[in-house]
Amino acid sequence: MTKDDLALVAAATEAIRERYREDWQEVGAALRTRTGKRYVGVNLDAYLGRMAVCAEAVALGQVITHLGEAGIDTIVAVRHPKPGDANREIRVVSPCGACRELIFDYDREARVIVPGPNGPEVVAIGDLLPNKYSRENNP
């Protein structure tokens, strides 16, 4: 991971540290565009689970709102522990399936920071979506 990747993890960590609310905002995300700009977001939970919005989508929405389609260079999500959890550290988490699809749809060359055996590591979004659905190769 590069210095810029570590700064992205720190930005996501700071976002959720500032906005954490148990069972409401537990995940923070940070996204660096191909133009070098950084955007953060936290998840938006809801009483109806299907209404929730992931932190990665919130960060991407800010990019689209402010810059248009600037491309995703790198994105990361981190999770704040619940009170009473044995591990009290904010940690990098893998994007959910819906976020993997969303990231791929907006930039097929995006890099994603995920947990690895020796700490956070960077992978290509395509590696997280083998055999990705597309309209072009499905009847």
C-alpha atoms as a PDB file:
ATOM      1  CA  MET A   1       0.000   0.000   0.000  1.00  0.00           C
ATOM      2  CA  THR A   2       1.190   3.486  -0.833  1.00  0.00           C
ATOM      3  CA  LYS A   3       1.312   6.547   1.387  1.00  0.00           C
ATOM      4  CA  ASP A   4      -1.809   7.807  -0.421  1.00  0.00           C
ATOM      5  CA  ASP A   5      -3.585   4.495   0.290  1.00  0.00           C
ATOM      6  CA  LEU A   6      -2.771   4.785   3.992  1.00  0.00           C
ATOM      7  CA  ALA A   7      -4.080   8.369   3.970  1.00  0.00           C
ATOM      8  CA  LEU A   8      -7.318   7.083   2.426  1.00  0.00           C
ATOM      9  CA  VAL A   9      -7.728   4.534   5.245  1.00  0.00           C
ATOM     10  CA  ALA A  10      -7.067   7.323   7.762  1.00  0.00           C
ATOM     11  CA  ALA A  11      -9.711   9.549   6.121  1.00  0.00           C
ATOM     12  CA  ALA A  12     -12.342   6.780   6.261  1.00  0.00           C
ATOM     13  CA  THR A  13     -11.399   6.074   9.878  1.00  0.00           C
ATOM     14  CA  GLU A  14     -11.721   9.730  10.833  1.00  0.00           C
ATOM     15  CA  ALA A  15     -15.108  10.008   9.100  1.00  0.00           C
ATOM     16  CA  ILE A  16     -16.653   7.146  11.067  1.00  0.00           C
ATOM     17  CA  ARG A  17     -14.905   8.112  14.290  1.00  0.00           C
ATOM     18  CA  GLU A  18     -16.576  11.547  14.059  1.00  0.00           C
ATOM     19  CA  ARG A  19     -20.028  10.300  12.973  1.00  0.00           C
ATOM     20  CA  TYR A  20     -20.391   6.897  14.663  1.00  0.00           C
ATOM     21  CA  ARG A  21     -23.845   6.168  16.069  1.00  0.00           C
ATOM     22  CA  GLU A  22     -24.481   2.634  17.269  1.00  0.00           C
ATOM     23  CA  ASP A  23     -26.769   0.752  14.867  1.00  0.00           C
ATOM     24  CA  TRP A  24     -27.006   3.823  12.590  1.00  0.00           C
ATOM     25  CA  GLN A  25     -23.610   4.921  11.307  1.00  0.00           C
ATOM     26  CA  GLU A  26     -21.002   2.188  11.711  1.00  0.00           C
ATOM     27  CA  VAL A  27     -19.114   2.196   8.396  1.00  0.00           C
ATOM     28  CA  GLY A  28     -17.013   4.957   6.906  1.00  0.00           C
ATOM     29  CA  ALA A  29     -15.596   5.064   3.387  1.00  0.00           C
ATOM     30  CA  ALA A  30     -13.062   7.151   1.545  1.00  0.00           C
ATOM     31  CA  LEU A  31     -12.649   7.362  -2.213  1.00  0.00           C
ATOM     32  CA  ARG A  32      -9.820   8.906  -4.226  1.00  0.00           C
ATOM     33  CA  THR A  33     -10.745   9.907  -7.754  1.00  0.00           C
ATOM     34  CA  ARG A  34      -8.507   9.619 -10.783  1.00  0.00           C
ATOM     35  CA  THR A  35      -8.073  13.399 -10.509  1.00  0.00           C
ATOM     36  CA  GLY A  36      -6.621  12.954  -7.006  1.00  0.00           C
ATOM     37  CA  LYS A  37      -9.551  14.404  -5.051  1.00  0.00           C
ATOM     38  CA  ARG A  38     -10.720  12.599  -1.931  1.00  0.00           C
ATOM     39  CA  TYR A  39     -14.303  12.152  -0.750  1.00  0.00           C
ATOM     40  CA  VAL A  40     -15.614  10.456   2.385  1.00  0.00           C
ATOM     41  CA  GLY A  41     -18.987   9.139   3.467  1.00  0.00           C
ATOM     42  CA  VAL A  42     -20.654   7.158   6.218  1.00  0.00           C
ATOM     43  CA  ASN A  43     -23.416   4.616   5.823  1.00  0.00           C
ATOM     44  CA  LEU A  44     -27.012   5.711   6.223  1.00  0.00           C
ATOM     45  CA  ASP A  45     -28.931   3.080   8.138  1.00  0.00           C
ATOM     46  CA  ALA A  46     -32.712   2.958   8.341  1.00  0.00           C
ATOM     47  CA  TYR A  47     -35.441   1.166  10.250  1.00  0.00           C
ATOM     48  CA  LEU A  48     -36.224  -0.696   7.033  1.00  0.00           C
ATOM     49  CA  GLY A  49     -32.957  -2.449   6.224  1.00  0.00           C
ATOM     50  CA  ARG A  50     -33.464  -2.347   2.470  1.00  0.00           C
ATOM     51  CA  MET A  51     -33.557   1.447   2.676  1.00  0.00           C
ATOM     52  CA  ALA A  52     -30.008   1.618   4.050  1.00  0.00           C
ATOM     53  CA  VAL A  53     -27.246   3.134   1.924  1.00  0.00           C
ATOM     54  CA  CYS A  54     -23.647   1.950   2.191  1.00  0.00           C
ATOM     55  CA  ALA A  55     -20.804   4.354   2.967  1.00  0.00           C
ATOM     56  CA  GLU A  56     -19.124   3.596  -0.361  1.00  0.00           C
ATOM     57  CA  ALA A  57     -22.272   4.695  -2.215  1.00  0.00           C
ATOM     58  CA  VAL A  58     -22.452   7.904  -0.163  1.00  0.00           C
ATOM     59  CA  ALA A  59     -18.828   8.743  -1.033  1.00  0.00           C
ATOM     60  CA  LEU A  60     -19.388   7.915  -4.712  1.00  0.00           C
ATOM     61  CA  GLY A  61     -22.538  10.048  -4.724  1.00  0.00           C
ATOM     62  CA  GLN A  62     -20.484  13.003  -3.547  1.00  0.00           C
ATOM     63  CA  VAL A  63     -17.995  12.466  -6.372  1.00  0.00           C
ATOM     64  CA  ILE A  64     -20.757  12.359  -8.982  1.00  0.00           C
ATOM     65  CA  THR A  65     -22.433  15.427  -7.456  1.00  0.00           C
ATOM     66  CA  HIS A  66     -19.262  17.530  -7.281  1.00  0.00           C
ATOM     67  CA  LEU A  67     -17.141  16.300 -10.192  1.00  0.00           C
ATOM     68  CA  GLY A  68     -19.259  14.137 -12.460  1.00  0.00           C
ATOM     69  CA  GLU A  69     -17.687  10.876 -13.508  1.00  0.00           C
ATOM     70  CA  ALA A  70     -14.108  11.485 -12.391  1.00  0.00           C
ATOM     71  CA  GLY A  71     -13.334   7.782 -12.019  1.00  0.00           C
ATOM     72  CA  ILE A  72     -12.453   5.791  -8.929  1.00  0.00           C
ATOM     73  CA  ASP A  73      -8.740   5.382  -8.383  1.00  0.00           C
ATOM     74  CA  THR A  74      -9.036   3.726  -4.965  1.00  0.00           C
ATOM     75  CA  ILE A  75     -11.797   3.163  -2.404  1.00  0.00           C
ATOM     76  CA  VAL A  76     -11.841   1.765   1.129  1.00  0.00           C
ATOM     77  CA  ALA A  77     -14.439   1.070   3.812  1.00  0.00           C
ATOM     78  CA  VAL A  78     -13.816   0.746   7.546  1.00  0.00           C
ATOM     79  CA  ARG A  79     -16.082  -0.492  10.325  1.00  0.00           C
ATOM     80  CA  HIS A  80     -16.371   0.956  13.822  1.00  0.00           C
ATOM     81  CA  PRO A  81     -16.703  -1.705  16.540  1.00  0.00           C
ATOM     82  CA  LYS A  82     -19.880  -1.895  18.581  1.00  0.00           C
ATOM     83  CA  PRO A  83     -19.623  -1.062  22.283  1.00  0.00           C
ATOM     84  CA  GLY A  84     -18.532  -4.195  24.089  1.00  0.00           C
ATOM     85  CA  ASP A  85     -16.792  -5.771  21.093  1.00  0.00           C
ATOM     86  CA  ALA A  86     -13.564  -7.470  22.115  1.00  0.00           C
ATOM     87  CA  ASN A  87     -11.639  -5.770  19.307  1.00  0.00           C
ATOM     88  CA  ARG A  88     -12.024  -1.999  19.794  1.00  0.00           C
ATOM     89  CA  GLU A  89     -10.161  -0.993  16.638  1.00  0.00           C
ATOM     90  CA  ILE A  90     -11.728   0.548  13.567  1.00  0.00           C
ATOM     91  CA  ARG A  91     -10.806  -1.912  10.816  1.00  0.00           C
ATOM     92  CA  VAL A  92     -10.799  -2.123   7.036  1.00  0.00           C
ATOM     93  CA  VAL A  93     -13.688  -4.240   5.708  1.00  0.00           C
ATOM     94  CA  SER A  94     -14.468  -5.639   2.279  1.00  0.00           C
ATOM     95  CA  PRO A  95     -17.248  -3.976   0.296  1.00  0.00           C
ATOM     96  CA  CYS A  96     -20.565  -5.840   0.261  1.00  0.00           C
ATOM     97  CA  GLY A  97     -21.743  -7.463  -2.959  1.00  0.00           C
ATOM     98  CA  ALA A  98     -23.911  -4.494  -3.937  1.00  0.00           C
ATOM     99  CA  CYS A  99     -20.997  -2.083  -3.458  1.00  0.00           C
ATOM    100  CA  ARG A 100     -18.697  -4.323  -5.485  1.00  0.00           C
ATOM    101  CA  GLU A 101     -21.201  -4.124  -8.327  1.00  0.00           C
ATOM    102  CA  LEU A 102     -21.547  -0.343  -7.937  1.00  0.00           C
ATOM    103  CA  ILE A 103     -17.787   0.273  -7.868  1.00  0.00           C
ATOM    104  CA  PHE A 104     -17.287  -1.906 -10.952  1.00  0.00           C
ATOM    105  CA  ASP A 105     -20.134  -0.166 -12.801  1.00  0.00           C
ATOM    106  CA  TYR A 106     -18.551   3.254 -12.228  1.00  0.00           C
ATOM    107  CA  ASP A 107     -14.916   2.262 -12.831  1.00  0.00           C
ATOM    108  CA  ARG A 108     -13.803  -1.174 -14.017  1.00  0.00           C
ATOM    109  CA  GLU A 109     -10.197  -0.253 -13.194  1.00  0.00           C
ATOM    110  CA  ALA A 110     -10.850   0.795  -9.569  1.00  0.00           C
ATOM    111  CA  ARG A 111      -8.559  -0.372  -6.810  1.00  0.00           C
ATOM    112  CA  VAL A 112     -10.119  -1.495  -3.512  1.00  0.00           C
ATOM    113  CA  ILE A 113      -8.410  -1.712  -0.143  1.00  0.00           C
ATOM    114  CA  VAL A 114      -9.530  -4.888   1.632  1.00  0.00           C
ATOM    115  CA  PRO A 115      -8.404  -6.879   4.679  1.00  0.00           C
ATOM    116  CA  GLY A 116      -5.523  -9.206   3.912  1.00  0.00           C
ATOM    117  CA  PRO A 117      -3.643 -11.853   5.868  1.00  0.00           C
ATOM    118  CA  ASN A 118      -0.970  -9.313   6.863  1.00  0.00           C
ATOM    119  CA  GLY A 119      -3.148  -6.215   7.105  1.00  0.00           C
ATOM    120  CA  PRO A 120      -4.953  -4.111   4.517  1.00  0.00           C
ATOM    121  CA  GLU A 121      -4.019  -4.736   0.894  1.00  0.00           C
ATOM    122  CA  VAL A 122      -5.036  -3.372  -2.486  1.00  0.00           C
ATOM    123  CA  VAL A 123      -6.870  -5.465  -5.089  1.00  0.00           C
ATOM    124  CA  ALA A 124      -8.543  -4.694  -8.395  1.00  0.00           C
ATOM    125  CA  ILE A 125     -12.338  -4.478  -8.274  1.00  0.00           C
ATOM    126  CA  GLY A 126     -12.470  -7.124 -11.011  1.00  0.00           C
ATOM    127  CA  ASP A 127     -10.741  -9.558  -8.641  1.00  0.00           C
ATOM    128  CA  LEU A 128     -13.651  -9.136  -6.229  1.00  0.00           C
ATOM    129  CA  LEU A 129     -16.216  -9.834  -8.974  1.00  0.00           C
ATOM    130  CA  PRO A 130     -15.199 -12.893 -10.967  1.00  0.00           C
ATOM    131  CA  ASN A 131     -17.548 -13.658 -13.847  1.00  0.00           C
ATOM    132  CA  LYS A 132     -19.305 -10.285 -13.486  1.00  0.00           C
ATOM    133  CA  TYR A 133     -22.736  -9.964 -15.084  1.00  0.00           C
ATOM    134  CA  SER A 134     -22.961  -7.634 -18.049  1.00  0.00           C
ATOM    135  CA  ARG A 135     -25.637  -7.014 -20.649  1.00  0.00           C
ATOM    136  CA  GLU A 136     -23.150  -7.584 -23.460  1.00  0.00           C
ATOM    137  CA  ASN A 137     -22.309 -11.203 -22.630  1.00  0.00           C
ATOM    138  CA  ASN A 138     -25.677 -12.457 -21.369  1.00  0.00           C
ATOM    139  CA  PRO A 139     -28.643 -13.242 -23.639  1.00  0.00           C
END
